[in-house]
Amino acid sequence: MLVVDDEPDIVDLIRYHLEKEGLRVLHAPDGATALRLAPEELPDLVVLDLMLPGLDGLDVCRRLRAETATRRLPILMLTAKADEVDRVVGLEIGADDYVVKPFSPRELVARVKALLRRAQEQPRPEAQRAGELVLDEPRHAVAIQGRPVDLTAKEFALLAALMRAQGRVLSRDQLLEDVWGYPSAAEIESRTVDVHIRRLREKLGPEARRIVTVKAVGYRFEGDG
């Protein structure tokens, strides 16, 4: 995996704990190096600091998502900013999750392992349809009226989970466990689900009406009939 951070102490801390888990760690001290290494090495995951010299983490994330070779890479963003807006922006441009500095190494490792676990799972072999919306898991593709919809890996997994539930309400904790793989989702404070739901609705256009918010509970997907 690729760790992008310009603070040697932070890099050493991350490297130590990830290598203890048997993970190989590459390091990029700035955004330009990260953009060169990512398509060359194709790491399983990118741990990306928000505050970097030159290109900041948001720019790096945006560029990784814009390139075919790296657009599906799981990205875990590190941020020292307390302002929730900065974290939400990171999720909106394609980061899969974030951890706020100073962070617990145990939490970081848990989130990294959750993202890796979800990325390695094989898609289920069936296509699902609702109105003009088709989700084809084997091809990892979504289309509306035959036109492809460009979703990130987490947006795709979120839509698939909602459609597979066949009208059942899924709580945020269930979605964090099912889509992100967190073993104790209720203990993790995160707006990840809400941000991804909003981004997903924006991309689905008129079919977004099928994702229904159940107040104080979670979300459900309305199919046909």
C-alpha atoms as a PDB file:
ATOM      1  CA  MET A   1       0.000   0.000   0.000  1.00  0.00           C
ATOM      2  CA  LEU A   2       1.035   3.613  -0.501  1.00  0.00           C
ATOM      3  CA  VAL A   3       1.330   6.094   2.386  1.00  0.00           C
ATOM      4  CA  VAL A   4       1.386   9.726   1.253  1.00  0.00           C
ATOM      5  CA  ASP A   5       2.544  12.004   4.081  1.00  0.00           C
ATOM      6  CA  ASP A   6       5.393  14.484   4.599  1.00  0.00           C
ATOM      7  CA  GLU A   7       5.765  13.946   8.363  1.00  0.00           C
ATOM      8  CA  PRO A   8       8.472  11.298   9.028  1.00  0.00           C
ATOM      9  CA  ASP A   9       7.168  10.477  12.512  1.00  0.00           C
ATOM     10  CA  ILE A  10       3.655   9.832  11.183  1.00  0.00           C
ATOM     11  CA  VAL A  11       4.995   7.744   8.302  1.00  0.00           C
ATOM     12  CA  ASP A  12       7.127   5.654  10.692  1.00  0.00           C
ATOM     13  CA  LEU A  13       4.134   5.108  12.990  1.00  0.00           C
ATOM     14  CA  ILE A  14       1.888   4.016  10.129  1.00  0.00           C
ATOM     15  CA  ARG A  15       4.573   1.836   8.573  1.00  0.00           C
ATOM     16  CA  TYR A  16       5.315   0.099  11.885  1.00  0.00           C
ATOM     17  CA  HIS A  17       1.691  -0.833  12.581  1.00  0.00           C
ATOM     18  CA  LEU A  18       0.820  -1.826   9.014  1.00  0.00           C
ATOM     19  CA  GLU A  19       3.949  -3.926   8.551  1.00  0.00           C
ATOM     20  CA  LYS A  20       3.088  -5.702  11.811  1.00  0.00           C
ATOM     21  CA  GLU A  21      -0.051  -6.828   9.953  1.00  0.00           C
ATOM     22  CA  GLY A  22       2.055  -8.194   7.123  1.00  0.00           C
ATOM     23  CA  LEU A  23       1.370  -5.316   4.732  1.00  0.00           C
ATOM     24  CA  ARG A  24       4.056  -3.938   2.402  1.00  0.00           C
ATOM     25  CA  VAL A  25       4.279  -0.142   2.684  1.00  0.00           C
ATOM     26  CA  LEU A  26       5.517   2.307   0.061  1.00  0.00           C
ATOM     27  CA  HIS A  27       6.022   5.983   0.894  1.00  0.00           C
ATOM     28  CA  ALA A  28       5.493   9.183  -1.057  1.00  0.00           C
ATOM     29  CA  PRO A  29       6.457  12.445   0.709  1.00  0.00           C
ATOM     30  CA  ASP A  30       4.374  14.669  -1.571  1.00  0.00           C
ATOM     31  CA  GLY A  31       1.505  14.659  -4.033  1.00  0.00           C
ATOM     32  CA  ALA A  32       3.637  14.642  -7.184  1.00  0.00           C
ATOM     33  CA  THR A  33       5.484  11.514  -6.048  1.00  0.00           C
ATOM     34  CA  ALA A  34       2.204   9.846  -5.139  1.00  0.00           C
ATOM     35  CA  LEU A  35       0.762  10.508  -8.603  1.00  0.00           C
ATOM     36  CA  ARG A  36       3.866   8.932 -10.151  1.00  0.00           C
ATOM     37  CA  LEU A  37       4.005   5.877  -7.866  1.00  0.00           C
ATOM     38  CA  ALA A  38       0.302   5.006  -7.777  1.00  0.00           C
ATOM     39  CA  PRO A  39      -0.095   4.012 -11.468  1.00  0.00           C
ATOM     40  CA  GLU A  40       3.340   2.358 -11.491  1.00  0.00           C
ATOM     41  CA  GLU A  41       2.896   0.251  -8.350  1.00  0.00           C
ATOM     42  CA  LEU A  42      -0.927  -0.052  -8.270  1.00  0.00           C
ATOM     43  CA  PRO A  43      -1.067  -0.413  -4.472  1.00  0.00           C
ATOM     44  CA  ASP A  44      -4.001  -2.142  -2.817  1.00  0.00           C
ATOM     45  CA  LEU A  45      -4.805   1.038  -0.886  1.00  0.00           C
ATOM     46  CA  VAL A  46      -3.643   4.651  -0.526  1.00  0.00           C
ATOM     47  CA  VAL A  47      -3.333   6.346   2.876  1.00  0.00           C
ATOM     48  CA  LEU A  48      -3.404  10.002   1.860  1.00  0.00           C
ATOM     49  CA  ASP A  49      -2.658  13.016   4.059  1.00  0.00           C
ATOM     50  CA  LEU A  50      -4.799  16.087   3.385  1.00  0.00           C
ATOM     51  CA  MET A  51      -2.038  18.631   4.049  1.00  0.00           C
ATOM     52  CA  LEU A  52       0.887  18.037   1.681  1.00  0.00           C
ATOM     53  CA  PRO A  53       3.557  20.270   0.154  1.00  0.00           C
ATOM     54  CA  GLY A  54       2.686  21.332  -3.389  1.00  0.00           C
ATOM     55  CA  LEU A  55      -0.439  19.408  -4.389  1.00  0.00           C
ATOM     56  CA  ASP A  56      -2.669  18.865  -1.373  1.00  0.00           C
ATOM     57  CA  GLY A  57      -4.478  15.629  -0.613  1.00  0.00           C
ATOM     58  CA  LEU A  58      -7.737  16.768  -2.207  1.00  0.00           C
ATOM     59  CA  ASP A  59      -5.974  17.460  -5.512  1.00  0.00           C
ATOM     60  CA  VAL A  60      -4.184  14.120  -5.374  1.00  0.00           C
ATOM     61  CA  CYS A  61      -7.432  12.288  -4.630  1.00  0.00           C
ATOM     62  CA  ARG A  62      -9.216  14.073  -7.473  1.00  0.00           C
ATOM     63  CA  ARG A  63      -6.454  13.179  -9.946  1.00  0.00           C
ATOM     64  CA  LEU A  64      -6.288   9.548  -8.856  1.00  0.00           C
ATOM     65  CA  ARG A  65     -10.039   9.243  -9.402  1.00  0.00           C
ATOM     66  CA  ALA A  66      -9.734  10.849 -12.838  1.00  0.00           C
ATOM     67  CA  GLU A  67      -7.255   8.239 -14.140  1.00  0.00           C
ATOM     68  CA  THR A  68      -8.466   4.866 -15.390  1.00  0.00           C
ATOM     69  CA  ALA A  69      -5.612   2.919 -13.766  1.00  0.00           C
ATOM     70  CA  THR A  70      -6.188   4.358 -10.286  1.00  0.00           C
ATOM     71  CA  ARG A  71      -9.844   5.345 -10.189  1.00  0.00           C
ATOM     72  CA  ARG A  72     -10.854   2.244  -8.170  1.00  0.00           C
ATOM     73  CA  LEU A  73      -8.029   2.375  -5.621  1.00  0.00           C
ATOM     74  CA  PRO A  74      -9.378   2.520  -2.049  1.00  0.00           C
ATOM     75  CA  ILE A  75      -8.326   5.842  -0.492  1.00  0.00           C
ATOM     76  CA  LEU A  76      -8.171   6.503   3.243  1.00  0.00           C
ATOM     77  CA  MET A  77      -7.625  10.206   3.907  1.00  0.00           C
ATOM     78  CA  LEU A  78      -5.732  11.550   6.930  1.00  0.00           C
ATOM     79  CA  THR A  79      -6.614  15.024   8.106  1.00  0.00           C
ATOM     80  CA  ALA A  80      -5.485  17.198  11.005  1.00  0.00           C
ATOM     81  CA  LYS A  81      -8.350  19.600  10.358  1.00  0.00           C
ATOM     82  CA  ALA A  82     -11.156  19.509  12.893  1.00  0.00           C
ATOM     83  CA  ASP A  83     -13.623  21.166  10.523  1.00  0.00           C
ATOM     84  CA  GLU A  84     -16.081  18.521   9.353  1.00  0.00           C
ATOM     85  CA  VAL A  85     -16.503  20.345   6.042  1.00  0.00           C
ATOM     86  CA  ASP A  86     -12.956  19.430   5.000  1.00  0.00           C
ATOM     87  CA  ARG A  87     -13.587  15.767   5.675  1.00  0.00           C
ATOM     88  CA  VAL A  88     -16.904  15.778   3.833  1.00  0.00           C
ATOM     89  CA  VAL A  89     -15.251  17.423   0.824  1.00  0.00           C
ATOM     90  CA  GLY A  90     -12.673  14.633   0.801  1.00  0.00           C
ATOM     91  CA  LEU A  91     -15.423  12.021   0.701  1.00  0.00           C
ATOM     92  CA  GLU A  92     -17.318  13.895  -1.987  1.00  0.00           C
ATOM     93  CA  ILE A  93     -14.359  13.902  -4.383  1.00  0.00           C
ATOM     94  CA  GLY A  94     -13.778  10.186  -3.996  1.00  0.00           C
ATOM     95  CA  ALA A  95     -12.049   9.250  -0.730  1.00  0.00           C
ATOM     96  CA  ASP A  96     -13.523   6.068   0.734  1.00  0.00           C
ATOM     97  CA  ASP A  97     -12.994   7.041   4.359  1.00  0.00           C
ATOM     98  CA  TYR A  98     -11.006   9.368   6.618  1.00  0.00           C
ATOM     99  CA  VAL A  99      -9.146   9.345   9.942  1.00  0.00           C
ATOM    100  CA  VAL A 100      -8.516  12.511  11.939  1.00  0.00           C
ATOM    101  CA  LYS A 101      -5.065  13.226  13.391  1.00  0.00           C
ATOM    102  CA  PRO A 102      -4.041  12.490  16.070  1.00  0.00           C
ATOM    103  CA  PHE A 103      -5.381   9.013  15.418  1.00  0.00           C
ATOM    104  CA  SER A 104      -5.304   5.694  17.209  1.00  0.00           C
ATOM    105  CA  PRO A 105      -3.034   3.248  15.351  1.00  0.00           C
ATOM    106  CA  ARG A 106      -5.539   0.522  16.213  1.00  0.00           C
ATOM    107  CA  GLU A 107      -8.356   2.449  14.539  1.00  0.00           C
ATOM    108  CA  LEU A 108      -6.211   3.198  11.487  1.00  0.00           C
ATOM    109  CA  VAL A 109      -5.312  -0.485  11.081  1.00  0.00           C
ATOM    110  CA  ALA A 110      -8.975  -1.496  11.511  1.00  0.00           C
ATOM    111  CA  ARG A 111     -10.097   0.918   8.807  1.00  0.00           C
ATOM    112  CA  VAL A 112      -7.303  -0.092   6.443  1.00  0.00           C
ATOM    113  CA  LYS A 113      -8.144  -3.783   6.880  1.00  0.00           C
ATOM    114  CA  ALA A 114     -11.850  -3.063   6.372  1.00  0.00           C
ATOM    115  CA  LEU A 115     -11.191  -1.231   3.102  1.00  0.00           C
ATOM    116  CA  LEU A 116      -8.860  -3.985   1.890  1.00  0.00           C
ATOM    117  CA  ARG A 117     -11.375  -6.673   2.808  1.00  0.00           C
ATOM    118  CA  ARG A 118     -14.150  -4.995   0.860  1.00  0.00           C
ATOM    119  CA  ALA A 119     -11.906  -4.353  -2.142  1.00  0.00           C
ATOM    120  CA  GLN A 120     -10.883  -8.014  -2.319  1.00  0.00           C
ATOM    121  CA  GLU A 121     -14.397  -9.451  -2.189  1.00  0.00           C
ATOM    122  CA  GLN A 122     -15.710 -10.876  -5.432  1.00  0.00           C
ATOM    123  CA  PRO A 123     -18.875  -9.326  -6.852  1.00  0.00           C
ATOM    124  CA  ARG A 124     -22.019 -11.414  -6.714  1.00  0.00           C
ATOM    125  CA  PRO A 125     -23.007 -13.039 -10.015  1.00  0.00           C
ATOM    126  CA  GLU A 126     -26.318 -11.400 -10.798  1.00  0.00           C
ATOM    127  CA  ALA A 127     -27.678  -8.299 -12.484  1.00  0.00           C
ATOM    128  CA  GLN A 128     -30.363  -6.322 -10.694  1.00  0.00           C
ATOM    129  CA  ARG A 129     -32.959  -4.087 -12.344  1.00  0.00           C
ATOM    130  CA  ALA A 130     -35.351  -1.420 -11.147  1.00  0.00           C
ATOM    131  CA  GLY A 131     -37.126   0.696 -13.742  1.00  0.00           C
ATOM    132  CA  GLU A 132     -34.477   2.146 -16.047  1.00  0.00           C
ATOM    133  CA  LEU A 133     -31.675   1.304 -13.597  1.00  0.00           C
ATOM    134  CA  VAL A 134     -29.519  -1.808 -14.132  1.00  0.00           C
ATOM    135  CA  LEU A 135     -26.752  -2.867 -11.739  1.00  0.00           C
ATOM    136  CA  ASP A 136     -24.533  -5.604 -13.196  1.00  0.00           C
ATOM    137  CA  GLU A 137     -22.276  -6.955 -10.428  1.00  0.00           C
ATOM    138  CA  PRO A 138     -20.135  -9.333 -12.519  1.00  0.00           C
ATOM    139  CA  ARG A 139     -19.215  -6.464 -14.847  1.00  0.00           C
ATOM    140  CA  HIS A 140     -19.129  -3.950 -11.971  1.00  0.00           C
ATOM    141  CA  ALA A 141     -21.290  -1.633 -14.074  1.00  0.00           C
ATOM    142  CA  VAL A 142     -24.374   0.533 -13.607  1.00  0.00           C
ATOM    143  CA  ALA A 143     -26.511   1.928 -16.417  1.00  0.00           C
ATOM    144  CA  ILE A 144     -29.640   4.047 -16.706  1.00  0.00           C
ATOM    145  CA  GLN A 145     -31.580   3.759 -19.951  1.00  0.00           C
ATOM    146  CA  GLY A 146     -28.571   1.921 -21.364  1.00  0.00           C
ATOM    147  CA  ARG A 147     -26.167   4.759 -20.570  1.00  0.00           C
ATOM    148  CA  PRO A 148     -23.327   3.945 -18.139  1.00  0.00           C
ATOM    149  CA  VAL A 149     -23.212   5.676 -14.763  1.00  0.00           C
ATOM    150  CA  ASP A 150     -19.708   6.303 -13.397  1.00  0.00           C
ATOM    151  CA  LEU A 151     -19.649   5.260  -9.722  1.00  0.00           C
ATOM    152  CA  THR A 152     -16.746   4.886  -7.334  1.00  0.00           C
ATOM    153  CA  ALA A 153     -16.167   1.455  -5.810  1.00  0.00           C
ATOM    154  CA  LYS A 154     -17.915   2.411  -2.573  1.00  0.00           C
ATOM    155  CA  GLU A 155     -20.880   4.029  -4.358  1.00  0.00           C
ATOM    156  CA  PHE A 156     -21.298   0.841  -6.385  1.00  0.00           C
ATOM    157  CA  ALA A 157     -21.099  -1.365  -3.281  1.00  0.00           C
ATOM    158  CA  LEU A 158     -23.579   0.865  -1.450  1.00  0.00           C
ATOM    159  CA  LEU A 159     -26.113   0.718  -4.296  1.00  0.00           C
ATOM    160  CA  ALA A 160     -25.660  -3.056  -4.580  1.00  0.00           C
ATOM    161  CA  ALA A 161     -26.266  -3.540  -0.847  1.00  0.00           C
ATOM    162  CA  LEU A 162     -29.432  -1.431  -0.940  1.00  0.00           C
ATOM    163  CA  MET A 163     -30.799  -3.224  -4.011  1.00  0.00           C
ATOM    164  CA  ARG A 164     -30.018  -6.673  -2.579  1.00  0.00           C
ATOM    165  CA  ALA A 165     -31.994  -5.796   0.553  1.00  0.00           C
ATOM    166  CA  GLN A 166     -35.146  -5.820  -1.630  1.00  0.00           C
ATOM    167  CA  GLY A 167     -36.997  -3.065   0.191  1.00  0.00           C
ATOM    168  CA  ARG A 168     -35.728  -3.774   3.697  1.00  0.00           C
ATOM    169  CA  VAL A 169     -34.454  -0.785   5.643  1.00  0.00           C
ATOM    170  CA  LEU A 170     -30.692  -0.859   6.258  1.00  0.00           C
ATOM    171  CA  SER A 171     -29.397   1.200   9.165  1.00  0.00           C
ATOM    172  CA  ARG A 172     -26.238   3.281   8.885  1.00  0.00           C
ATOM    173  CA  ASP A 173     -24.498   0.788  11.175  1.00  0.00           C
ATOM    174  CA  GLN A 174     -25.533  -2.103   8.905  1.00  0.00           C
ATOM    175  CA  LEU A 175     -24.243  -0.258   5.850  1.00  0.00           C
ATOM    176  CA  LEU A 176     -20.953   0.571   7.561  1.00  0.00           C
ATOM    177  CA  GLU A 177     -20.547  -3.118   8.376  1.00  0.00           C
ATOM    178  CA  ASP A 178     -21.771  -4.485   5.022  1.00  0.00           C
ATOM    179  CA  VAL A 179     -20.155  -1.977   2.647  1.00  0.00           C
ATOM    180  CA  TRP A 180     -17.114  -0.755   4.600  1.00  0.00           C
ATOM    181  CA  GLY A 181     -16.529  -3.919   6.615  1.00  0.00           C
ATOM    182  CA  TYR A 182     -16.283  -2.305  10.046  1.00  0.00           C
ATOM    183  CA  PRO A 183     -16.683  -5.036  12.691  1.00  0.00           C
ATOM    184  CA  SER A 184     -18.081  -2.611  15.301  1.00  0.00           C
ATOM    185  CA  ALA A 185     -19.740   0.057  13.214  1.00  0.00           C
ATOM    186  CA  ALA A 186     -21.803   1.407  16.095  1.00  0.00           C
ATOM    187  CA  GLU A 187     -18.592   2.505  17.813  1.00  0.00           C
ATOM    188  CA  ILE A 188     -17.352   4.510  14.819  1.00  0.00           C
ATOM    189  CA  GLU A 189     -18.480   8.112  14.481  1.00  0.00           C
ATOM    190  CA  SER A 190     -18.634   8.775  10.757  1.00  0.00           C
ATOM    191  CA  ARG A 191     -20.824  10.586   8.203  1.00  0.00           C
ATOM    192  CA  THR A 192     -19.433   8.345   5.514  1.00  0.00           C
ATOM    193  CA  VAL A 193     -22.776   6.700   4.708  1.00  0.00           C
ATOM    194  CA  ASP A 194     -24.730   9.954   4.403  1.00  0.00           C
ATOM    195  CA  VAL A 195     -22.094  11.555   2.189  1.00  0.00           C
ATOM    196  CA  HIS A 196     -21.969   8.551  -0.134  1.00  0.00           C
ATOM    197  CA  ILE A 197     -25.770   8.384  -0.313  1.00  0.00           C
ATOM    198  CA  ARG A 198     -25.879  12.037  -1.357  1.00  0.00           C
ATOM    199  CA  ARG A 199     -23.224  11.514  -4.040  1.00  0.00           C
ATOM    200  CA  LEU A 200     -25.003   8.382  -5.276  1.00  0.00           C
ATOM    201  CA  ARG A 201     -28.333  10.184  -5.570  1.00  0.00           C
ATOM    202  CA  GLU A 202     -26.720  12.974  -7.569  1.00  0.00           C
ATOM    203  CA  LYS A 203     -25.366  10.471 -10.087  1.00  0.00           C
ATOM    204  CA  LEU A 204     -28.582   8.456 -10.439  1.00  0.00           C
ATOM    205  CA  GLY A 205     -30.692  11.407 -11.587  1.00  0.00           C
ATOM    206  CA  PRO A 206     -34.441  10.563 -11.696  1.00  0.00           C
ATOM    207  CA  GLU A 207     -33.753   7.030 -10.420  1.00  0.00           C
ATOM    208  CA  ALA A 208     -32.401   8.541  -7.185  1.00  0.00           C
ATOM    209  CA  ARG A 209     -36.004   8.639  -5.936  1.00  0.00           C
ATOM    210  CA  ARG A 210     -35.672   4.922  -5.313  1.00  0.00           C
ATOM    211  CA  ILE A 211     -33.230   5.521  -2.429  1.00  0.00           C
ATOM    212  CA  VAL A 212     -35.539   6.484   0.413  1.00  0.00           C
ATOM    213  CA  THR A 213     -34.424   7.964   3.732  1.00  0.00           C
ATOM    214  CA  VAL A 214     -36.181   6.395   6.708  1.00  0.00           C
ATOM    215  CA  LYS A 215     -35.916   9.048   9.391  1.00  0.00           C
ATOM    216  CA  ALA A 216     -33.835   8.090  12.427  1.00  0.00           C
ATOM    217  CA  VAL A 217     -33.322   4.583  11.020  1.00  0.00           C
ATOM    218  CA  GLY A 218     -31.444   4.430   7.725  1.00  0.00           C
ATOM    219  CA  TYR A 219     -32.152   3.863   4.024  1.00  0.00           C
ATOM    220  CA  ARG A 220     -34.086   1.505   1.783  1.00  0.00           C
ATOM    221  CA  PHE A 221     -34.295   0.957  -1.969  1.00  0.00           C
ATOM    222  CA  GLU A 222     -37.674   0.976  -3.711  1.00  0.00           C
ATOM    223  CA  GLY A 223     -37.827  -1.353  -6.680  1.00  0.00           C
ATOM    224  CA  ASP A 224     -40.770  -1.942  -8.998  1.00  0.00           C
ATOM    225  CA  GLY A 225     -44.046  -3.163  -7.668  1.00  0.00           C
END
